[in-house]
């Protein structure tokens, strides 16, 4: 799990990419030897929660994951906080990164 923020600009893709980066920095996978698999065998599903999921560039988010076969989808979630005068705001996104293997 991870959380990303764009403090200025209301860029949901930037917040989503930061959320994925945050999730990856907080993870550790130690089962490759036991499963006889490598990082290239992973199926990585990324789920983004953003207040405007249609504005998230899924291909750009996909580039944050360095290994495996990656799929990304965006769903309603996250949080948008408008600026006091409405001209700027803060965008928060959440990411779940799920790893599996095909048989």
PDB file of N, CA and C in Angstrom:
ATOM      1  N   UNK A   1       0.846  -1.171   0.000  1.00  0.00           N
ATOM      2  CA  UNK A   1       0.000   0.000   0.000  1.00  0.00           C
ATOM      3  C   UNK A   1       0.892   1.236   0.000  1.00  0.00           C
ATOM      4  N   UNK A   2       0.410   2.276  -0.675  1.00  0.00           N
ATOM      5  CA  UNK A   2       1.166   3.513  -0.701  1.00  0.00           C
ATOM      6  C   UNK A   2       0.258   4.713  -0.891  1.00  0.00           C
ATOM      7  N   UNK A   3       0.804   5.882  -0.599  1.00  0.00           N
ATOM      8  CA  UNK A   3       0.062   7.129  -0.751  1.00  0.00           C
ATOM      9  C   UNK A   3       0.963   8.138  -1.436  1.00  0.00           C
ATOM     10  N   UNK A   4       0.393   8.893  -2.381  1.00  0.00           N
ATOM     11  CA  UNK A   4       1.147   9.912  -3.085  1.00  0.00           C
ATOM     12  C   UNK A   4       0.359  11.204  -3.146  1.00  0.00           C
ATOM     13  N   UNK A   5       1.081  12.314  -3.207  1.00  0.00           N
ATOM     14  CA  UNK A   5       0.458  13.633  -3.165  1.00  0.00           C
ATOM     15  C   UNK A   5       1.058  14.520  -4.256  1.00  0.00           C
ATOM     16  N   UNK A   6       0.202  15.291  -4.922  1.00  0.00           N
ATOM     17  CA  UNK A   6       0.644  16.409  -5.749  1.00  0.00           C
ATOM     18  C   UNK A   6       0.165  17.661  -5.024  1.00  0.00           C
ATOM     19  N   UNK A   7       1.098  18.414  -4.483  1.00  0.00           N
ATOM     20  CA  UNK A   7       0.768  19.553  -3.633  1.00  0.00           C
ATOM     21  C   UNK A   7       0.291  20.751  -4.445  1.00  0.00           C
ATOM     22  N   UNK A   8       0.809  20.909  -5.662  1.00  0.00           N
ATOM     23  CA  UNK A   8       0.388  22.018  -6.529  1.00  0.00           C
ATOM     24  C   UNK A   8       0.168  21.476  -7.933  1.00  0.00           C
ATOM     25  N   UNK A   9      -0.949  21.792  -8.517  1.00  0.00           N
ATOM     26  CA  UNK A   9      -1.167  21.412  -9.903  1.00  0.00           C
ATOM     27  C   UNK A   9      -2.321  20.459 -10.149  1.00  0.00           C
ATOM     28  N   UNK A  10      -2.807  19.831  -9.111  1.00  0.00           N
ATOM     29  CA  UNK A  10      -3.951  18.909  -9.249  1.00  0.00           C
ATOM     30  C   UNK A  10      -3.697  17.813 -10.280  1.00  0.00           C
ATOM     31  N   UNK A  11      -2.502  17.240 -10.249  1.00  0.00           N
ATOM     32  CA  UNK A  11      -2.115  16.207 -11.213  1.00  0.00           C
ATOM     33  C   UNK A  11      -2.331  14.828 -10.590  1.00  0.00           C
ATOM     34  N   UNK A  12      -3.424  14.174 -10.969  1.00  0.00           N
ATOM     35  CA  UNK A  12      -3.744  12.861 -10.406  1.00  0.00           C
ATOM     36  C   UNK A  12      -2.741  11.795 -10.823  1.00  0.00           C
ATOM     37  N   UNK A  13      -2.172  11.924 -12.018  1.00  0.00           N
ATOM     38  CA  UNK A  13      -1.156  10.963 -12.454  1.00  0.00           C
ATOM     39  C   UNK A  13       0.096  11.084 -11.599  1.00  0.00           C
ATOM     40  N   UNK A  14       0.533  12.300 -11.336  1.00  0.00           N
ATOM     41  CA  UNK A  14       1.714  12.499 -10.493  1.00  0.00           C
ATOM     42  C   UNK A  14       1.488  11.917  -9.095  1.00  0.00           C
ATOM     43  N   UNK A  15       0.327  12.158  -8.534  1.00  0.00           N
ATOM     44  CA  UNK A  15       0.013  11.604  -7.212  1.00  0.00           C
ATOM     45  C   UNK A  15      -0.028  10.081  -7.255  1.00  0.00           C
ATOM     46  N   UNK A  16      -0.602   9.511  -8.325  1.00  0.00           N
ATOM     47  CA  UNK A  16      -0.679   8.054  -8.462  1.00  0.00           C
ATOM     48  C   UNK A  16       0.710   7.441  -8.599  1.00  0.00           C
ATOM     49  N   UNK A  17       1.580   8.060  -9.393  1.00  0.00           N
ATOM     50  CA  UNK A  17       2.945   7.551  -9.547  1.00  0.00           C
ATOM     51  C   UNK A  17       3.686   7.584  -8.217  1.00  0.00           C
ATOM     52  N   UNK A  18       3.504   8.648  -7.473  1.00  0.00           N
ATOM     53  CA  UNK A  18       4.144   8.747  -6.162  1.00  0.00           C
ATOM     54  C   UNK A  18       3.574   7.708  -5.196  1.00  0.00           C
ATOM     55  N   UNK A  19       2.306   7.403  -5.314  1.00  0.00           N
ATOM     56  CA  UNK A  19       1.695   6.379  -4.458  1.00  0.00           C
ATOM     57  C   UNK A  19       2.286   5.002  -4.750  1.00  0.00           C
ATOM     58  N   UNK A  20       2.489   4.690  -6.024  1.00  0.00           N
ATOM     59  CA  UNK A  20       3.097   3.406  -6.396  1.00  0.00           C
ATOM     60  C   UNK A  20       4.534   3.349  -5.910  1.00  0.00           C
ATOM     61  N   UNK A  21       5.279   4.413  -6.100  1.00  0.00           N
ATOM     62  CA  UNK A  21       6.664   4.468  -5.621  1.00  0.00           C
ATOM     63  C   UNK A  21       6.717   4.260  -4.112  1.00  0.00           C
ATOM     64  N   UNK A  22       5.807   4.894  -3.397  1.00  0.00           N
ATOM     65  CA  UNK A  22       5.729   4.741  -1.939  1.00  0.00           C
ATOM     66  C   UNK A  22       5.428   3.292  -1.564  1.00  0.00           C
ATOM     67  N   UNK A  23       4.495   2.671  -2.261  1.00  0.00           N
ATOM     68  CA  UNK A  23       4.144   1.276  -1.975  1.00  0.00           C
ATOM     69  C   UNK A  23       5.338   0.352  -2.201  1.00  0.00           C
ATOM     70  N   UNK A  24       6.073   0.576  -3.281  1.00  0.00           N
ATOM     71  CA  UNK A  24       7.219  -0.285  -3.573  1.00  0.00           C
ATOM     72  C   UNK A  24       8.338  -0.118  -2.554  1.00  0.00           C
ATOM     73  N   UNK A  25       8.529   1.091  -2.071  1.00  0.00           N
ATOM     74  CA  UNK A  25       9.574   1.324  -1.060  1.00  0.00           C
ATOM     75  C   UNK A  25       9.221   0.655   0.276  1.00  0.00           C
ATOM     76  N   UNK A  26       7.961   0.364   0.494  1.00  0.00           N
ATOM     77  CA  UNK A  26       7.535  -0.251   1.749  1.00  0.00           C
ATOM     78  C   UNK A  26       7.277  -1.754   1.610  1.00  0.00           C
ATOM     79  N   UNK A  27       7.795  -2.349   0.546  1.00  0.00           N
ATOM     80  CA  UNK A  27       7.546  -3.778   0.342  1.00  0.00           C
ATOM     81  C   UNK A  27       8.856  -4.538   0.255  1.00  0.00           C
ATOM     82  N   UNK A  28       8.755  -5.825   0.484  1.00  0.00           N
ATOM     83  CA  UNK A  28       9.909  -6.699   0.366  1.00  0.00           C
ATOM     84  C   UNK A  28       9.401  -8.099   0.067  1.00  0.00           C
ATOM     85  N   UNK A  29       9.898  -8.684  -1.003  1.00  0.00           N
ATOM     86  CA  UNK A  29       9.471 -10.021  -1.411  1.00  0.00           C
ATOM     87  C   UNK A  29      10.636 -10.984  -1.249  1.00  0.00           C
ATOM     88  N   UNK A  30      10.449 -12.008  -0.430  1.00  0.00           N
ATOM     89  CA  UNK A  30      11.531 -12.950  -0.130  1.00  0.00           C
ATOM     90  C   UNK A  30      11.178 -14.394  -0.473  1.00  0.00           C
ATOM     91  N   UNK A  31      10.275 -14.606  -1.396  1.00  0.00           N
ATOM     92  CA  UNK A  31       9.826 -15.974  -1.668  1.00  0.00           C
ATOM     93  C   UNK A  31      10.301 -16.525  -3.003  1.00  0.00           C
ATOM     94  N   UNK A  32      11.197 -15.836  -3.675  1.00  0.00           N
ATOM     95  CA  UNK A  32      11.599 -16.273  -5.010  1.00  0.00           C
ATOM     96  C   UNK A  32      12.337 -17.605  -4.990  1.00  0.00           C
ATOM     97  N   UNK A  33      13.240 -17.814  -4.062  1.00  0.00           N
ATOM     98  CA  UNK A  33      13.977 -19.071  -3.985  1.00  0.00           C
ATOM     99  C   UNK A  33      13.034 -20.223  -3.683  1.00  0.00           C
ATOM    100  N   UNK A  34      12.118 -20.029  -2.752  1.00  0.00           N
ATOM    101  CA  UNK A  34      11.182 -21.092  -2.358  1.00  0.00           C
ATOM    102  C   UNK A  34      10.213 -21.451  -3.481  1.00  0.00           C
ATOM    103  N   UNK A  35       9.919 -20.513  -4.360  1.00  0.00           N
ATOM    104  CA  UNK A  35       8.946 -20.762  -5.434  1.00  0.00           C
ATOM    105  C   UNK A  35       9.603 -21.060  -6.768  1.00  0.00           C
ATOM    106  N   UNK A  36      10.935 -20.977  -6.821  1.00  0.00           N
ATOM    107  CA  UNK A  36      11.674 -21.173  -8.061  1.00  0.00           C
ATOM    108  C   UNK A  36      11.202 -20.205  -9.151  1.00  0.00           C
ATOM    109  N   UNK A  37      10.918 -18.968  -8.737  1.00  0.00           N
ATOM    110  CA  UNK A  37      10.463 -17.916  -9.649  1.00  0.00           C
ATOM    111  C   UNK A  37      11.457 -16.758  -9.607  1.00  0.00           C
ATOM    112  N   UNK A  38      11.354 -15.852 -10.578  1.00  0.00           N
ATOM    113  CA  UNK A  38      12.173 -14.648 -10.587  1.00  0.00           C
ATOM    114  C   UNK A  38      11.245 -13.436 -10.609  1.00  0.00           C
ATOM    115  N   UNK A  39      11.821 -12.255 -10.496  1.00  0.00           N
ATOM    116  CA  UNK A  39      11.024 -11.028 -10.537  1.00  0.00           C
ATOM    117  C   UNK A  39      10.324 -10.876 -11.887  1.00  0.00           C
ATOM    118  N   UNK A  40      10.883 -11.497 -12.919  1.00  0.00           N
ATOM    119  CA  UNK A  40      10.284 -11.391 -14.253  1.00  0.00           C
ATOM    120  C   UNK A  40       9.056 -12.272 -14.408  1.00  0.00           C
ATOM    121  N   UNK A  41       8.859 -13.232 -13.496  1.00  0.00           N
ATOM    122  CA  UNK A  41       7.690 -14.113 -13.526  1.00  0.00           C
ATOM    123  C   UNK A  41       6.467 -13.495 -12.850  1.00  0.00           C
ATOM    124  N   UNK A  42       6.652 -12.383 -12.174  1.00  0.00           N
ATOM    125  CA  UNK A  42       5.558 -11.788 -11.401  1.00  0.00           C
ATOM    126  C   UNK A  42       4.471 -11.209 -12.296  1.00  0.00           C
ATOM    127  N   UNK A  43       3.238 -11.348 -11.854  1.00  0.00           N
ATOM    128  CA  UNK A  43       2.101 -10.622 -12.406  1.00  0.00           C
ATOM    129  C   UNK A  43       1.794  -9.543 -11.373  1.00  0.00           C
ATOM    130  N   UNK A  44       1.943  -8.297 -11.756  1.00  0.00           N
ATOM    131  CA  UNK A  44       1.783  -7.184 -10.822  1.00  0.00           C
ATOM    132  C   UNK A  44       0.527  -6.407 -11.204  1.00  0.00           C
ATOM    133  N   UNK A  45      -0.429  -6.372 -10.286  1.00  0.00           N
ATOM    134  CA  UNK A  45      -1.655  -5.610 -10.494  1.00  0.00           C
ATOM    135  C   UNK A  45      -1.592  -4.378  -9.594  1.00  0.00           C
ATOM    136  N   UNK A  46      -1.742  -3.207 -10.197  1.00  0.00           N
ATOM    137  CA  UNK A  46      -1.724  -1.956  -9.458  1.00  0.00           C
ATOM    138  C   UNK A  46      -3.133  -1.372  -9.485  1.00  0.00           C
ATOM    139  N   UNK A  47      -3.653  -1.077  -8.307  1.00  0.00           N
ATOM    140  CA  UNK A  47      -4.961  -0.447  -8.192  1.00  0.00           C
ATOM    141  C   UNK A  47      -4.752   0.929  -7.579  1.00  0.00           C
ATOM    142  N   UNK A  48      -5.202   1.956  -8.301  1.00  0.00           N
ATOM    143  CA  UNK A  48      -5.059   3.341  -7.859  1.00  0.00           C
ATOM    144  C   UNK A  48      -6.416   3.851  -7.397  1.00  0.00           C
ATOM    145  N   UNK A  49      -6.430   4.516  -6.262  1.00  0.00           N
ATOM    146  CA  UNK A  49      -7.611   5.232  -5.798  1.00  0.00           C
ATOM    147  C   UNK A  49      -7.367   6.715  -5.990  1.00  0.00           C
ATOM    148  N   UNK A  50      -8.176   7.352  -6.839  1.00  0.00           N
ATOM    149  CA  UNK A  50      -8.026   8.782  -7.116  1.00  0.00           C
ATOM    150  C   UNK A  50      -9.417   9.412  -7.228  1.00  0.00           C
ATOM    151  N   UNK A  51      -9.513  10.659  -6.825  1.00  0.00           N
ATOM    152  CA  UNK A  51     -10.800  11.347  -6.871  1.00  0.00           C
ATOM    153  C   UNK A  51     -11.294  11.529  -8.305  1.00  0.00           C
ATOM    154  N   UNK A  52     -10.374  11.580  -9.261  1.00  0.00           N
ATOM    155  CA  UNK A  52     -10.735  11.662 -10.686  1.00  0.00           C
ATOM    156  C   UNK A  52      -9.994  10.556 -11.423  1.00  0.00           C
ATOM    157  N   UNK A  53     -10.470   9.313 -11.305  1.00  0.00           N
ATOM    158  CA  UNK A  53      -9.727   8.187 -11.885  1.00  0.00           C
ATOM    159  C   UNK A  53      -9.543   8.280 -13.396  1.00  0.00           C
ATOM    160  N   UNK A  54     -10.455   8.943 -14.089  1.00  0.00           N
ATOM    161  CA  UNK A  54     -10.323   9.041 -15.546  1.00  0.00           C
ATOM    162  C   UNK A  54      -9.155   9.932 -15.969  1.00  0.00           C
ATOM    163  N   UNK A  55      -8.637  10.755 -15.053  1.00  0.00           N
ATOM    164  CA  UNK A  55      -7.515  11.628 -15.394  1.00  0.00           C
ATOM    165  C   UNK A  55      -6.157  10.991 -15.112  1.00  0.00           C
ATOM    166  N   UNK A  56      -6.131   9.780 -14.602  1.00  0.00           N
ATOM    167  CA  UNK A  56      -4.873   9.088 -14.316  1.00  0.00           C
ATOM    168  C   UNK A  56      -4.369   8.416 -15.601  1.00  0.00           C
ATOM    169  N   UNK A  57      -3.147   8.746 -15.995  1.00  0.00           N
ATOM    170  CA  UNK A  57      -2.502   8.130 -17.154  1.00  0.00           C
ATOM    171  C   UNK A  57      -1.967   6.765 -16.718  1.00  0.00           C
ATOM    172  N   UNK A  58      -2.693   5.716 -17.061  1.00  0.00           N
ATOM    173  CA  UNK A  58      -2.356   4.372 -16.589  1.00  0.00           C
ATOM    174  C   UNK A  58      -1.007   3.896 -17.119  1.00  0.00           C
ATOM    175  N   UNK A  59      -0.664   4.254 -18.334  1.00  0.00           N
ATOM    176  CA  UNK A  59       0.631   3.858 -18.895  1.00  0.00           C
ATOM    177  C   UNK A  59       1.783   4.532 -18.156  1.00  0.00           C
ATOM    178  N   UNK A  60       1.608   5.783 -17.743  1.00  0.00           N
ATOM    179  CA  UNK A  60       2.647   6.476 -16.983  1.00  0.00           C
ATOM    180  C   UNK A  60       2.824   5.834 -15.613  1.00  0.00           C
ATOM    181  N   UNK A  61       1.731   5.440 -14.985  1.00  0.00           N
ATOM    182  CA  UNK A  61       1.793   4.784 -13.674  1.00  0.00           C
ATOM    183  C   UNK A  61       2.487   3.435 -13.809  1.00  0.00           C
ATOM    184  N   UNK A  62       2.209   2.736 -14.890  1.00  0.00           N
ATOM    185  CA  UNK A  62       2.800   1.420 -15.141  1.00  0.00           C
ATOM    186  C   UNK A  62       4.327   1.472 -15.141  1.00  0.00           C
ATOM    187  N   UNK A  63       4.888   2.575 -15.590  1.00  0.00           N
ATOM    188  CA  UNK A  63       6.343   2.721 -15.662  1.00  0.00           C
ATOM    189  C   UNK A  63       7.022   2.747 -14.299  1.00  0.00           C
ATOM    190  N   UNK A  64       6.261   2.930 -13.239  1.00  0.00           N
ATOM    191  CA  UNK A  64       6.830   2.949 -11.885  1.00  0.00           C
ATOM    192  C   UNK A  64       7.229   1.558 -11.403  1.00  0.00           C
ATOM    193  N   UNK A  65       6.687   0.510 -12.034  1.00  0.00           N
ATOM    194  CA  UNK A  65       6.944  -0.872 -11.591  1.00  0.00           C
ATOM    195  C   UNK A  65       8.045  -1.453 -12.469  1.00  0.00           C
ATOM    196  N   UNK A  66       9.200  -1.784 -11.882  1.00  0.00           N
ATOM    197  CA  UNK A  66      10.357  -2.172 -12.688  1.00  0.00           C
ATOM    198  C   UNK A  66      10.364  -3.608 -13.200  1.00  0.00           C
ATOM    199  N   UNK A  67       9.533  -4.493 -12.651  1.00  0.00           N
ATOM    200  CA  UNK A  67       9.598  -5.908 -13.012  1.00  0.00           C
ATOM    201  C   UNK A  67       8.208  -6.482 -13.225  1.00  0.00           C
ATOM    202  N   UNK A  68       8.185  -7.609 -13.929  1.00  0.00           N
ATOM    203  CA  UNK A  68       6.956  -8.370 -14.079  1.00  0.00           C
ATOM    204  C   UNK A  68       6.057  -7.854 -15.185  1.00  0.00           C
ATOM    205  N   UNK A  69       4.942  -8.542 -15.327  1.00  0.00           N
ATOM    206  CA  UNK A  69       3.884  -8.133 -16.246  1.00  0.00           C
ATOM    207  C   UNK A  69       2.925  -7.274 -15.446  1.00  0.00           C
ATOM    208  N   UNK A  70       2.797  -6.020 -15.824  1.00  0.00           N
ATOM    209  CA  UNK A  70       2.095  -5.035 -14.992  1.00  0.00           C
ATOM    210  C   UNK A  70       0.774  -4.621 -15.633  1.00  0.00           C
ATOM    211  N   UNK A  71      -0.280  -4.599 -14.826  1.00  0.00           N
ATOM    212  CA  UNK A  71      -1.557  -4.016 -15.227  1.00  0.00           C
ATOM    213  C   UNK A  71      -1.922  -2.955 -14.194  1.00  0.00           C
ATOM    214  N   UNK A  72      -2.572  -1.900 -14.671  1.00  0.00           N
ATOM    215  CA  UNK A  72      -2.956  -0.784 -13.792  1.00  0.00           C
ATOM    216  C   UNK A  72      -4.405  -0.435 -14.051  1.00  0.00           C
ATOM    217  N   UNK A  73      -5.144  -0.194 -12.986  1.00  0.00           N
ATOM    218  CA  UNK A  73      -6.485   0.348 -13.115  1.00  0.00           C
ATOM    219  C   UNK A  73      -6.692   1.417 -12.056  1.00  0.00           C
ATOM    220  N   UNK A  74      -7.535   2.370 -12.363  1.00  0.00           N
ATOM    221  CA  UNK A  74      -7.830   3.449 -11.420  1.00  0.00           C
ATOM    222  C   UNK A  74      -9.300   3.401 -11.050  1.00  0.00           C
ATOM    223  N   UNK A  75      -9.556   3.592  -9.762  1.00  0.00           N
ATOM    224  CA  UNK A  75     -10.913   3.578  -9.224  1.00  0.00           C
ATOM    225  C   UNK A  75     -11.149   4.848  -8.416  1.00  0.00           C
ATOM    226  N   UNK A  76     -12.396   5.102  -8.137  1.00  0.00           N
ATOM    227  CA  UNK A  76     -12.746   6.260  -7.330  1.00  0.00           C
ATOM    228  C   UNK A  76     -12.187   6.093  -5.924  1.00  0.00           C
ATOM    229  N   UNK A  77     -11.465   7.088  -5.446  1.00  0.00           N
ATOM    230  CA  UNK A  77     -10.854   7.047  -4.119  1.00  0.00           C
ATOM    231  C   UNK A  77      -9.998   8.280  -3.936  1.00  0.00           C
ATOM    232  N   UNK A  78      -8.980   8.175  -3.126  1.00  0.00           N
ATOM    233  CA  UNK A  78      -8.091   9.305  -2.902  1.00  0.00           C
ATOM    234  C   UNK A  78      -8.817  10.484  -2.283  1.00  0.00           C
ATOM    235  N   UNK A  79      -8.233  11.671  -2.476  1.00  0.00           N
ATOM    236  CA  UNK A  79      -8.796  12.869  -1.869  1.00  0.00           C
ATOM    237  C   UNK A  79      -8.281  14.093  -2.606  1.00  0.00           C
ATOM    238  N   UNK A  80      -9.181  14.986  -2.959  1.00  0.00           N
ATOM    239  CA  UNK A  80      -8.819  16.295  -3.515  1.00  0.00           C
ATOM    240  C   UNK A  80      -9.175  17.349  -2.485  1.00  0.00           C
ATOM    241  N   UNK A  81      -8.216  18.222  -2.208  1.00  0.00           N
ATOM    242  CA  UNK A  81      -8.433  19.306  -1.251  1.00  0.00           C
ATOM    243  C   UNK A  81      -8.273  20.619  -2.011  1.00  0.00           C
ATOM    244  N   UNK A  82      -9.355  21.366  -2.195  1.00  0.00           N
ATOM    245  CA  UNK A  82      -9.248  22.615  -2.947  1.00  0.00           C
ATOM    246  C   UNK A  82      -8.469  23.670  -2.171  1.00  0.00           C
ATOM    247  N   UNK A  83      -7.800  24.546  -2.925  1.00  0.00           N
ATOM    248  CA  UNK A  83      -7.116  25.669  -2.305  1.00  0.00           C
ATOM    249  C   UNK A  83      -8.141  26.666  -1.779  1.00  0.00           C
ATOM    250  N   UNK A  84      -7.731  27.552  -0.891  1.00  0.00           N
ATOM    251  CA  UNK A  84      -8.672  28.486  -0.277  1.00  0.00           C
ATOM    252  C   UNK A  84      -9.383  29.387  -1.278  1.00  0.00           C
ATOM    253  N   UNK A  85      -8.711  29.720  -2.375  1.00  0.00           N
ATOM    254  CA  UNK A  85      -9.356  30.585  -3.369  1.00  0.00           C
ATOM    255  C   UNK A  85      -9.793  29.809  -4.607  1.00  0.00           C
ATOM    256  N   UNK A  86      -9.654  28.502  -4.586  1.00  0.00           N
ATOM    257  CA  UNK A  86     -10.080  27.665  -5.698  1.00  0.00           C
ATOM    258  C   UNK A  86      -9.108  27.586  -6.855  1.00  0.00           C
ATOM    259  N   UNK A  87      -7.991  28.296  -6.801  1.00  0.00           N
ATOM    260  CA  UNK A  87      -7.058  28.317  -7.927  1.00  0.00           C
ATOM    261  C   UNK A  87      -6.049  27.169  -7.892  1.00  0.00           C
ATOM    262  N   UNK A  88      -5.857  26.545  -6.784  1.00  0.00           N
ATOM    263  CA  UNK A  88      -4.898  25.459  -6.657  1.00  0.00           C
ATOM    264  C   UNK A  88      -5.455  24.476  -5.640  1.00  0.00           C
ATOM    265  N   UNK A  89      -4.855  23.331  -5.546  1.00  0.00           N
ATOM    266  CA  UNK A  89      -5.322  22.359  -4.579  1.00  0.00           C
ATOM    267  C   UNK A  89      -4.332  21.234  -4.420  1.00  0.00           C
ATOM    268  N   UNK A  90      -4.626  20.374  -3.485  1.00  0.00           N
ATOM    269  CA  UNK A  90      -3.800  19.204  -3.187  1.00  0.00           C
ATOM    270  C   UNK A  90      -4.552  17.962  -3.647  1.00  0.00           C
ATOM    271  N   UNK A  91      -3.851  17.072  -4.325  1.00  0.00           N
ATOM    272  CA  UNK A  91      -4.417  15.813  -4.800  1.00  0.00           C
ATOM    273  C   UNK A  91      -3.694  14.674  -4.108  1.00  0.00           C
ATOM    274  N   UNK A  92      -4.462  13.767  -3.497  1.00  0.00           N
ATOM    275  CA  UNK A  92      -3.891  12.578  -2.875  1.00  0.00           C
ATOM    276  C   UNK A  92      -4.413  11.339  -3.591  1.00  0.00           C
ATOM    277  N   UNK A  93      -3.531  10.381  -3.808  1.00  0.00           N
ATOM    278  CA  UNK A  93      -3.909   9.103  -4.418  1.00  0.00           C
ATOM    279  C   UNK A  93      -3.377   7.978  -3.547  1.00  0.00           C
ATOM    280  N   UNK A  94      -4.065   6.859  -3.584  1.00  0.00           N
ATOM    281  CA  UNK A  94      -3.626   5.650  -2.899  1.00  0.00           C
ATOM    282  C   UNK A  94      -3.319   4.578  -3.929  1.00  0.00           C
ATOM    283  N   UNK A  95      -2.399   3.688  -3.577  1.00  0.00           N
ATOM    284  CA  UNK A  95      -2.052   2.585  -4.477  1.00  0.00           C
ATOM    285  C   UNK A  95      -1.984   1.282  -3.702  1.00  0.00           C
ATOM    286  N   UNK A  96      -2.527   0.235  -4.306  1.00  0.00           N
ATOM    287  CA  UNK A  96      -2.335  -1.132  -3.825  1.00  0.00           C
ATOM    288  C   UNK A  96      -1.578  -1.865  -4.923  1.00  0.00           C
ATOM    289  N   UNK A  97      -0.495  -2.526  -4.549  1.00  0.00           N
ATOM    290  CA  UNK A  97       0.307  -3.277  -5.507  1.00  0.00           C
ATOM    291  C   UNK A  97       0.205  -4.751  -5.116  1.00  0.00           C
ATOM    292  N   UNK A  98      -0.391  -5.532  -6.002  1.00  0.00           N
ATOM    293  CA  UNK A  98      -0.661  -6.945  -5.734  1.00  0.00           C
ATOM    294  C   UNK A  98       0.207  -7.806  -6.641  1.00  0.00           C
ATOM    295  N   UNK A  99       0.877  -8.806  -6.057  1.00  0.00           N
ATOM    296  CA  UNK A  99       1.784  -9.667  -6.814  1.00  0.00           C
ATOM    297  C   UNK A  99       1.266 -11.092  -6.791  1.00  0.00           C
ATOM    298  N   UNK A 100       1.288 -11.727  -7.962  1.00  0.00           N
ATOM    299  CA  UNK A 100       0.924 -13.151  -8.063  1.00  0.00           C
ATOM    300  C   UNK A 100       1.789 -13.792  -9.147  1.00  0.00           C
ATOM    301  N   UNK A 101       1.654 -15.114  -9.271  1.00  0.00           N
ATOM    302  CA  UNK A 101       2.365 -15.863 -10.312  1.00  0.00           C
ATOM    303  C   UNK A 101       1.367 -16.737 -11.057  1.00  0.00           C
ATOM    304  N   UNK A 102       1.590 -16.895 -12.367  1.00  0.00           N
ATOM    305  CA  UNK A 102       0.830 -17.875 -13.133  1.00  0.00           C
ATOM    306  C   UNK A 102       1.443 -19.232 -12.875  1.00  0.00           C
ATOM    307  N   UNK A 103       0.654 -20.271 -13.020  1.00  0.00           N
ATOM    308  CA  UNK A 103       1.179 -21.635 -12.824  1.00  0.00           C
ATOM    309  C   UNK A 103       2.145 -22.028 -13.887  1.00  0.00           C
TER     310      UNK A 103
END
